[in-house]
Amino acid sequence: MIRTKSPFLFSLFWIAACIGSFLNAAEESVTFTVPPGEEMLTSADGVLSLSWESAGDGVIYELEQSVDDSFTNPTMRYSGPDVGSYLTGLAEGDYFFRVRAKGGEWSEPLRAKVTFIDRRVLWILLVSGFVVVAATVGTILTGWRKTES
C-alpha cells in the first residue's frame, strides 16, 4: 500500500494508474469465443449470441457488423462494457463481426450464416397441417350428424 501525506499526490497516482490500465487494455487484441472446432456461427432463426474474451475491468468494447469480411461499410452493433451481445432480427444471409477494446486493434472477423427453413418444406408442412385439421373437423361433424339423427 502506498502511504502519502498529500491527498493530491495520491489522487494523481490513482488517476495515472487508472489511465495506464485503460491504455494497456486498449492495446490488447480481443478475440471472439466460439465453440471448439467451429470457424463460423450458424443461426436458423435470425438470432446470434456473440461473446468475446475480457480485456480487463472497465474496458469499453466496440462490436461491428458487415456483409463482407473487408468491412467496407460496417454497422456499429454494440459499444459498452459487456463481453457479449445478443443480436436478433437478422435476415437470411452471411454476416461478419469484429470486436475490439475501444482504441485497440480489431479482432479477426467472425463469420455467421443465418438460414431459415426452405420454403418448399414450409409449404408442405402448412398443407399437411391444413389436411389434418380439415379431416379432424370433418370427422367431428360426421359424428355429430349421426348422433343427431
N, C-alpha and C. Protein backbone atom coordinates (compact mmCIF):
# COMPACT_ATOMS: atom_id res chain seq x y z
N MET A 1 0.84 -1.18 0.00
CA MET A 1 0.00 0.00 0.00
C MET A 1 0.88 1.23 0.00
N ILE A 2 0.48 2.22 -0.75
CA ILE A 2 1.23 3.47 -0.84
C ILE A 2 0.69 4.42 0.20
N ARG A 3 1.62 4.97 0.98
CA ARG A 3 1.22 5.95 2.00
C ARG A 3 1.80 7.30 1.63
N THR A 4 0.95 8.28 1.66
CA THR A 4 1.39 9.64 1.38
C THR A 4 0.60 10.59 2.25
N LYS A 5 1.24 11.68 2.60
CA LYS A 5 0.56 12.65 3.44
C LYS A 5 -0.23 13.63 2.60
N SER A 6 0.00 13.61 1.31
CA SER A 6 -0.69 14.56 0.45
C SER A 6 -1.79 13.84 -0.33
N PRO A 7 -3.07 14.18 -0.07
CA PRO A 7 -4.14 13.57 -0.85
C PRO A 7 -4.03 13.90 -2.33
N PHE A 8 -3.44 15.04 -2.65
CA PHE A 8 -3.28 15.44 -4.04
C PHE A 8 -2.36 14.48 -4.77
N LEU A 9 -1.21 14.12 -4.15
CA LEU A 9 -0.28 13.19 -4.78
C LEU A 9 -0.90 11.81 -4.93
N PHE A 10 -1.65 11.39 -3.91
CA PHE A 10 -2.33 10.10 -4.00
C PHE A 10 -3.34 10.09 -5.14
N SER A 11 -4.08 11.19 -5.29
CA SER A 11 -5.07 11.29 -6.37
C SER A 11 -4.40 11.23 -7.73
N LEU A 12 -3.28 11.92 -7.88
CA LEU A 12 -2.56 11.89 -9.15
C LEU A 12 -2.07 10.48 -9.46
N PHE A 13 -1.55 9.78 -8.44
CA PHE A 13 -1.08 8.42 -8.63
C PHE A 13 -2.24 7.51 -9.04
N TRP A 14 -3.36 7.66 -8.38
CA TRP A 14 -4.53 6.82 -8.68
C TRP A 14 -5.03 7.06 -10.10
N ILE A 15 -5.11 8.33 -10.51
CA ILE A 15 -5.55 8.67 -11.87
C ILE A 15 -4.57 8.09 -12.89
N ALA A 16 -3.28 8.21 -12.66
CA ALA A 16 -2.28 7.68 -13.58
C ALA A 16 -2.40 6.16 -13.69
N ALA A 17 -2.64 5.49 -12.57
CA ALA A 17 -2.78 4.03 -12.59
C ALA A 17 -4.00 3.62 -13.38
N CYS A 18 -5.11 4.32 -13.21
CA CYS A 18 -6.34 4.01 -13.95
C CYS A 18 -6.16 4.22 -15.44
N ILE A 19 -5.56 5.34 -15.82
CA ILE A 19 -5.33 5.63 -17.23
C ILE A 19 -4.38 4.60 -17.82
N GLY A 20 -3.36 4.23 -17.08
CA GLY A 20 -2.41 3.23 -17.57
C GLY A 20 -3.06 1.89 -17.80
N SER A 21 -3.92 1.45 -16.88
CA SER A 21 -4.58 0.16 -17.07
C SER A 21 -5.56 0.22 -18.23
N PHE A 22 -6.21 1.37 -18.44
CA PHE A 22 -7.11 1.51 -19.58
C PHE A 22 -6.34 1.45 -20.89
N LEU A 23 -5.20 2.14 -20.96
CA LEU A 23 -4.41 2.15 -22.18
C LEU A 23 -3.84 0.76 -22.47
N ASN A 24 -3.39 0.06 -21.45
CA ASN A 24 -2.88 -1.30 -21.66
C ASN A 24 -3.97 -2.23 -22.15
N ALA A 25 -5.19 -2.10 -21.62
CA ALA A 25 -6.30 -2.94 -22.05
C ALA A 25 -6.66 -2.64 -23.49
N ALA A 26 -6.59 -1.37 -23.89
CA ALA A 26 -6.94 -0.99 -25.26
C ALA A 26 -5.93 -1.54 -26.26
N GLU A 27 -4.68 -1.75 -25.83
CA GLU A 27 -3.66 -2.26 -26.73
C GLU A 27 -3.81 -3.76 -26.96
N GLU A 28 -4.46 -4.47 -26.05
CA GLU A 28 -4.63 -5.91 -26.20
C GLU A 28 -5.66 -6.21 -27.29
N SER A 29 -5.41 -7.28 -28.01
CA SER A 29 -6.35 -7.71 -29.03
C SER A 29 -7.44 -8.55 -28.37
N VAL A 30 -8.66 -8.30 -28.72
CA VAL A 30 -9.80 -9.05 -28.18
C VAL A 30 -10.17 -10.12 -29.18
N THR A 31 -10.49 -11.33 -28.71
CA THR A 31 -10.88 -12.40 -29.61
C THR A 31 -12.25 -12.94 -29.23
N PHE A 32 -12.98 -13.39 -30.24
CA PHE A 32 -14.29 -13.99 -30.01
C PHE A 32 -14.12 -15.36 -29.36
N THR A 33 -15.09 -15.74 -28.55
CA THR A 33 -15.12 -17.10 -28.01
C THR A 33 -16.17 -17.87 -28.80
N VAL A 34 -15.72 -18.91 -29.49
CA VAL A 34 -16.60 -19.75 -30.28
C VAL A 34 -16.42 -21.19 -29.83
N PRO A 35 -17.43 -22.03 -30.04
CA PRO A 35 -17.29 -23.44 -29.66
C PRO A 35 -16.10 -24.08 -30.37
N PRO A 36 -15.41 -25.00 -29.71
CA PRO A 36 -14.24 -25.64 -30.32
C PRO A 36 -14.59 -26.32 -31.64
N GLY A 37 -13.71 -26.15 -32.61
CA GLY A 37 -13.90 -26.80 -33.91
C GLY A 37 -14.80 -26.05 -34.87
N GLU A 38 -15.37 -24.95 -34.46
CA GLU A 38 -16.25 -24.19 -35.33
C GLU A 38 -15.55 -22.91 -35.78
N GLU A 39 -15.61 -22.66 -37.08
CA GLU A 39 -15.00 -21.46 -37.62
C GLU A 39 -16.01 -20.34 -37.83
N MET A 40 -17.29 -20.72 -37.88
CA MET A 40 -18.33 -19.71 -38.04
C MET A 40 -19.56 -20.09 -37.22
N LEU A 41 -20.37 -19.11 -36.93
CA LEU A 41 -21.61 -19.34 -36.20
C LEU A 41 -22.74 -19.55 -37.20
N THR A 42 -23.73 -20.32 -36.81
CA THR A 42 -24.90 -20.51 -37.66
C THR A 42 -26.15 -20.23 -36.84
N SER A 43 -27.19 -19.78 -37.54
CA SER A 43 -28.47 -19.49 -36.89
C SER A 43 -29.59 -19.91 -37.83
N ALA A 44 -30.60 -20.54 -37.27
CA ALA A 44 -31.76 -20.95 -38.07
C ALA A 44 -32.97 -20.06 -37.79
N ASP A 45 -32.78 -19.01 -36.96
CA ASP A 45 -33.92 -18.17 -36.62
C ASP A 45 -33.60 -16.67 -36.58
N GLY A 46 -32.44 -16.27 -37.08
CA GLY A 46 -32.09 -14.85 -37.10
C GLY A 46 -31.59 -14.30 -35.78
N VAL A 47 -31.20 -15.18 -34.87
CA VAL A 47 -30.72 -14.77 -33.55
C VAL A 47 -29.29 -15.28 -33.38
N LEU A 48 -28.38 -14.40 -32.94
CA LEU A 48 -27.00 -14.78 -32.68
C LEU A 48 -26.59 -14.32 -31.29
N SER A 49 -25.82 -15.14 -30.62
CA SER A 49 -25.25 -14.78 -29.33
C SER A 49 -23.73 -14.74 -29.51
N LEU A 50 -23.16 -13.55 -29.42
CA LEU A 50 -21.73 -13.37 -29.59
C LEU A 50 -21.09 -13.11 -28.23
N SER A 51 -19.89 -13.64 -28.03
CA SER A 51 -19.14 -13.36 -26.81
C SER A 51 -17.67 -13.27 -27.15
N TRP A 52 -16.94 -12.55 -26.32
CA TRP A 52 -15.51 -12.37 -26.53
C TRP A 52 -14.80 -12.37 -25.19
N GLU A 53 -13.48 -12.54 -25.27
CA GLU A 53 -12.67 -12.60 -24.05
C GLU A 53 -12.54 -11.20 -23.45
N SER A 54 -12.49 -11.15 -22.14
CA SER A 54 -12.37 -9.88 -21.43
C SER A 54 -10.93 -9.36 -21.54
N ALA A 55 -10.82 -8.05 -21.72
CA ALA A 55 -9.50 -7.41 -21.75
C ALA A 55 -9.22 -6.70 -20.43
N GLY A 56 -10.06 -6.89 -19.44
CA GLY A 56 -9.85 -6.27 -18.13
C GLY A 56 -11.08 -5.51 -17.67
N ASP A 57 -11.02 -5.04 -16.43
CA ASP A 57 -12.13 -4.30 -15.84
C ASP A 57 -12.20 -2.89 -16.42
N GLY A 58 -13.40 -2.41 -16.61
CA GLY A 58 -13.61 -1.03 -17.05
C GLY A 58 -13.34 -0.79 -18.52
N VAL A 59 -13.15 -1.85 -19.29
CA VAL A 59 -12.86 -1.70 -20.72
C VAL A 59 -14.18 -1.54 -21.48
N ILE A 60 -14.19 -0.63 -22.43
CA ILE A 60 -15.34 -0.44 -23.31
C ILE A 60 -15.04 -1.17 -24.61
N TYR A 61 -15.98 -2.02 -25.04
CA TYR A 61 -15.81 -2.81 -26.26
C TYR A 61 -16.68 -2.22 -27.37
N GLU A 62 -16.22 -2.41 -28.59
CA GLU A 62 -16.98 -1.99 -29.77
C GLU A 62 -17.15 -3.21 -30.67
N LEU A 63 -18.38 -3.45 -31.11
CA LEU A 63 -18.71 -4.57 -31.98
C LEU A 63 -19.27 -4.03 -33.28
N GLU A 64 -18.68 -4.45 -34.40
CA GLU A 64 -19.16 -4.02 -35.71
C GLU A 64 -19.65 -5.21 -36.51
N GLN A 65 -20.61 -4.94 -37.39
CA GLN A 65 -21.20 -5.95 -38.27
C GLN A 65 -21.06 -5.46 -39.71
N SER A 66 -20.82 -6.42 -40.62
CA SER A 66 -20.71 -6.09 -42.03
C SER A 66 -21.18 -7.28 -42.86
N VAL A 67 -21.47 -7.03 -44.13
CA VAL A 67 -21.86 -8.12 -45.02
C VAL A 67 -20.65 -8.66 -45.79
N ASP A 68 -19.48 -8.03 -45.62
CA ASP A 68 -18.26 -8.54 -46.24
C ASP A 68 -17.12 -8.52 -45.22
N ASP A 69 -16.14 -9.39 -45.45
CA ASP A 69 -15.06 -9.51 -44.47
C ASP A 69 -14.04 -8.38 -44.52
N SER A 70 -14.18 -7.46 -45.49
CA SER A 70 -13.28 -6.30 -45.54
C SER A 70 -13.87 -5.10 -44.79
N PHE A 71 -15.11 -5.23 -44.33
CA PHE A 71 -15.79 -4.19 -43.53
C PHE A 71 -15.75 -2.84 -44.25
N THR A 72 -16.18 -2.84 -45.53
CA THR A 72 -16.19 -1.60 -46.30
C THR A 72 -17.28 -0.65 -45.83
N ASN A 73 -18.38 -1.17 -45.33
CA ASN A 73 -19.48 -0.33 -44.84
C ASN A 73 -20.03 -0.94 -43.54
N PRO A 74 -19.25 -0.91 -42.44
CA PRO A 74 -19.68 -1.59 -41.21
C PRO A 74 -20.77 -0.82 -40.46
N THR A 75 -21.50 -1.56 -39.65
CA THR A 75 -22.51 -1.01 -38.76
C THR A 75 -22.10 -1.28 -37.32
N MET A 76 -22.07 -0.25 -36.49
CA MET A 76 -21.75 -0.43 -35.07
C MET A 76 -22.96 -1.08 -34.40
N ARG A 77 -22.77 -2.30 -33.86
CA ARG A 77 -23.88 -3.02 -33.23
C ARG A 77 -23.87 -2.91 -31.71
N TYR A 78 -22.71 -2.63 -31.12
CA TYR A 78 -22.64 -2.54 -29.67
C TYR A 78 -21.43 -1.73 -29.26
N SER A 79 -21.58 -0.96 -28.20
CA SER A 79 -20.47 -0.26 -27.56
C SER A 79 -20.78 -0.20 -26.07
N GLY A 80 -19.93 -0.83 -25.27
CA GLY A 80 -20.16 -0.85 -23.83
C GLY A 80 -19.23 -1.82 -23.13
N PRO A 81 -19.45 -2.04 -21.83
CA PRO A 81 -18.52 -2.84 -21.02
C PRO A 81 -18.78 -4.35 -21.03
N ASP A 82 -19.87 -4.82 -21.63
CA ASP A 82 -20.20 -6.25 -21.59
C ASP A 82 -19.28 -7.04 -22.52
N VAL A 83 -19.05 -8.31 -22.19
CA VAL A 83 -18.22 -9.18 -23.01
C VAL A 83 -19.08 -10.11 -23.86
N GLY A 84 -20.18 -9.59 -24.33
CA GLY A 84 -21.05 -10.35 -25.20
C GLY A 84 -22.21 -9.50 -25.68
N SER A 85 -22.86 -9.97 -26.72
CA SER A 85 -24.01 -9.26 -27.27
C SER A 85 -24.96 -10.27 -27.89
N TYR A 86 -26.25 -10.03 -27.73
CA TYR A 86 -27.30 -10.89 -28.24
C TYR A 86 -27.99 -10.14 -29.36
N LEU A 87 -27.88 -10.63 -30.59
CA LEU A 87 -28.43 -9.95 -31.76
C LEU A 87 -29.66 -10.70 -32.26
N THR A 88 -30.72 -9.97 -32.53
CA THR A 88 -31.96 -10.57 -33.03
C THR A 88 -32.39 -9.87 -34.31
N GLY A 89 -33.32 -10.50 -35.03
CA GLY A 89 -33.90 -9.88 -36.22
C GLY A 89 -33.00 -9.88 -37.43
N LEU A 90 -32.02 -10.76 -37.47
CA LEU A 90 -31.13 -10.82 -38.63
C LEU A 90 -31.81 -11.51 -39.79
N ALA A 91 -31.70 -10.93 -40.97
CA ALA A 91 -32.27 -11.53 -42.18
C ALA A 91 -31.37 -12.67 -42.64
N GLU A 92 -31.90 -13.48 -43.54
CA GLU A 92 -31.14 -14.60 -44.07
C GLU A 92 -29.93 -14.08 -44.84
N GLY A 93 -28.76 -14.68 -44.61
CA GLY A 93 -27.55 -14.27 -45.32
C GLY A 93 -26.31 -14.48 -44.49
N ASP A 94 -25.18 -14.01 -45.04
CA ASP A 94 -23.89 -14.10 -44.37
C ASP A 94 -23.55 -12.76 -43.73
N TYR A 95 -22.97 -12.84 -42.53
CA TYR A 95 -22.57 -11.64 -41.79
C TYR A 95 -21.15 -11.84 -41.26
N PHE A 96 -20.47 -10.73 -41.06
CA PHE A 96 -19.15 -10.74 -40.46
C PHE A 96 -19.15 -9.78 -39.29
N PHE A 97 -18.48 -10.19 -38.21
CA PHE A 97 -18.42 -9.37 -37.00
C PHE A 97 -16.96 -9.23 -36.58
N ARG A 98 -16.65 -8.09 -35.97
CA ARG A 98 -15.35 -7.88 -35.37
C ARG A 98 -15.54 -7.07 -34.09
N VAL A 99 -14.61 -7.25 -33.16
CA VAL A 99 -14.72 -6.59 -31.85
C VAL A 99 -13.34 -6.06 -31.45
N ARG A 100 -13.35 -5.05 -30.62
CA ARG A 100 -12.10 -4.51 -30.09
C ARG A 100 -12.36 -3.79 -28.78
N ALA A 101 -11.31 -3.67 -28.00
CA ALA A 101 -11.36 -2.77 -26.86
C ALA A 101 -11.23 -1.38 -27.46
N LYS A 102 -12.02 -0.44 -26.99
CA LYS A 102 -12.06 0.89 -27.61
C LYS A 102 -10.65 1.46 -27.74
N GLY A 103 -10.29 1.84 -28.96
CA GLY A 103 -8.98 2.38 -29.24
C GLY A 103 -7.95 1.32 -29.58
N GLY A 104 -8.31 0.03 -29.45
CA GLY A 104 -7.37 -1.06 -29.72
C GLY A 104 -7.50 -1.60 -31.13
N GLU A 105 -6.85 -2.72 -31.36
CA GLU A 105 -6.88 -3.37 -32.67
C GLU A 105 -8.14 -4.21 -32.81
N TRP A 106 -8.67 -4.27 -34.03
CA TRP A 106 -9.84 -5.10 -34.30
C TRP A 106 -9.47 -6.57 -34.26
N SER A 107 -10.40 -7.41 -33.83
CA SER A 107 -10.19 -8.85 -33.83
C SER A 107 -10.26 -9.37 -35.26
N GLU A 108 -9.92 -10.64 -35.41
CA GLU A 108 -10.13 -11.30 -36.69
C GLU A 108 -11.64 -11.39 -36.92
N PRO A 109 -12.10 -11.23 -38.17
CA PRO A 109 -13.54 -11.30 -38.42
C PRO A 109 -14.12 -12.67 -38.09
N LEU A 110 -15.32 -12.66 -37.54
CA LEU A 110 -16.06 -13.88 -37.25
C LEU A 110 -17.22 -13.95 -38.24
N ARG A 111 -17.33 -15.07 -38.95
CA ARG A 111 -18.41 -15.23 -39.94
C ARG A 111 -19.61 -15.90 -39.29
N ALA A 112 -20.78 -15.42 -39.67
CA ALA A 112 -22.03 -16.02 -39.19
C ALA A 112 -22.96 -16.20 -40.39
N LYS A 113 -23.65 -17.32 -40.42
CA LYS A 113 -24.58 -17.61 -41.51
C LYS A 113 -25.97 -17.81 -40.92
N VAL A 114 -26.93 -17.04 -41.43
CA VAL A 114 -28.32 -17.13 -40.98
C VAL A 114 -29.13 -17.78 -42.10
N THR A 115 -29.78 -18.89 -41.80
CA THR A 115 -30.64 -19.57 -42.77
C THR A 115 -31.98 -19.87 -42.12
N PHE A 116 -32.98 -19.90 -42.92
CA PHE A 116 -34.32 -20.23 -42.45
C PHE A 116 -34.79 -21.49 -43.14
N ILE A 117 -35.92 -22.02 -42.73
CA ILE A 117 -36.46 -23.25 -43.31
C ILE A 117 -36.76 -23.03 -44.80
N ASP A 118 -36.48 -24.05 -45.60
CA ASP A 118 -36.72 -23.99 -47.04
C ASP A 118 -38.21 -23.76 -47.29
N ARG A 119 -38.53 -22.89 -48.22
CA ARG A 119 -39.94 -22.54 -48.50
C ARG A 119 -40.76 -23.74 -48.96
N ARG A 120 -40.15 -24.64 -49.73
CA ARG A 120 -40.90 -25.83 -50.17
C ARG A 120 -41.30 -26.69 -48.98
N VAL A 121 -40.37 -26.88 -48.04
CA VAL A 121 -40.67 -27.65 -46.84
C VAL A 121 -41.74 -26.95 -46.02
N LEU A 122 -41.66 -25.62 -45.94
CA LEU A 122 -42.66 -24.84 -45.22
C LEU A 122 -44.05 -25.06 -45.81
N TRP A 123 -44.18 -24.98 -47.12
CA TRP A 123 -45.49 -25.17 -47.76
C TRP A 123 -46.01 -26.60 -47.57
N ILE A 124 -45.14 -27.58 -47.66
CA ILE A 124 -45.55 -28.97 -47.43
C ILE A 124 -46.09 -29.13 -46.02
N LEU A 125 -45.42 -28.55 -45.04
CA LEU A 125 -45.89 -28.64 -43.65
C LEU A 125 -47.22 -27.90 -43.46
N LEU A 126 -47.35 -26.73 -44.06
CA LEU A 126 -48.61 -25.98 -43.93
C LEU A 126 -49.78 -26.73 -44.57
N VAL A 127 -49.59 -27.27 -45.77
CA VAL A 127 -50.66 -28.02 -46.44
C VAL A 127 -51.00 -29.28 -45.66
N SER A 128 -49.98 -29.97 -45.15
CA SER A 128 -50.23 -31.18 -44.34
C SER A 128 -51.03 -30.82 -43.09
N GLY A 129 -50.68 -29.73 -42.45
CA GLY A 129 -51.42 -29.30 -41.27
C GLY A 129 -52.87 -28.96 -41.61
N PHE A 130 -53.09 -28.30 -42.74
CA PHE A 130 -54.46 -27.98 -43.15
C PHE A 130 -55.27 -29.24 -43.40
N VAL A 131 -54.67 -30.23 -44.07
CA VAL A 131 -55.37 -31.51 -44.35
C VAL A 131 -55.74 -32.20 -43.04
N VAL A 132 -54.83 -32.22 -42.07
CA VAL A 132 -55.13 -32.86 -40.78
C VAL A 132 -56.26 -32.13 -40.07
N VAL A 133 -56.24 -30.81 -40.05
CA VAL A 133 -57.31 -30.04 -39.40
C VAL A 133 -58.63 -30.27 -40.11
N ALA A 134 -58.63 -30.23 -41.45
CA ALA A 134 -59.87 -30.45 -42.21
C ALA A 134 -60.42 -31.85 -41.96
N ALA A 135 -59.57 -32.86 -41.92
CA ALA A 135 -60.03 -34.24 -41.66
C ALA A 135 -60.59 -34.37 -40.25
N THR A 136 -59.97 -33.72 -39.29
CA THR A 136 -60.46 -33.77 -37.91
C THR A 136 -61.82 -33.09 -37.79
N VAL A 137 -61.98 -31.91 -38.38
CA VAL A 137 -63.26 -31.19 -38.34
C VAL A 137 -64.32 -32.00 -39.08
N GLY A 138 -63.97 -32.60 -40.22
CA GLY A 138 -64.91 -33.44 -40.97
C GLY A 138 -65.38 -34.64 -40.16
N THR A 139 -64.46 -35.28 -39.46
CA THR A 139 -64.81 -36.44 -38.63
C THR A 139 -65.73 -36.03 -37.48
N ILE A 140 -65.45 -34.92 -36.86
CA ILE A 140 -66.29 -34.43 -35.76
C ILE A 140 -67.69 -34.10 -36.27
N LEU A 141 -67.79 -33.40 -37.39
CA LEU A 141 -69.11 -33.05 -37.95
C LEU A 141 -69.89 -34.28 -38.39
N THR A 142 -69.22 -35.27 -38.98
CA THR A 142 -69.89 -36.52 -39.39
C THR A 142 -70.44 -37.25 -38.17
N GLY A 143 -69.63 -37.34 -37.11
CA GLY A 143 -70.10 -38.00 -35.88
C GLY A 143 -71.24 -37.24 -35.24
N TRP A 144 -71.21 -35.93 -35.28
CA TRP A 144 -72.27 -35.12 -34.70
C TRP A 144 -73.58 -35.32 -35.46
N ARG A 145 -73.51 -35.37 -36.81
CA ARG A 145 -74.73 -35.59 -37.63
C ARG A 145 -75.35 -36.96 -37.35
N LYS A 146 -74.51 -37.97 -37.20
CA LYS A 146 -75.03 -39.32 -36.95
C LYS A 146 -75.71 -39.41 -35.59
N THR A 147 -75.22 -38.67 -34.61
CA THR A 147 -75.84 -38.72 -33.27
C THR A 147 -77.11 -37.88 -33.24
N GLU A 148 -77.27 -36.93 -34.14
CA GLU A 148 -78.46 -36.08 -34.17
C GLU A 148 -79.63 -36.78 -34.83
N SER A 149 -79.37 -37.69 -35.74
CA SER A 149 -80.47 -38.32 -36.45
C SER A 149 -80.94 -39.59 -35.85
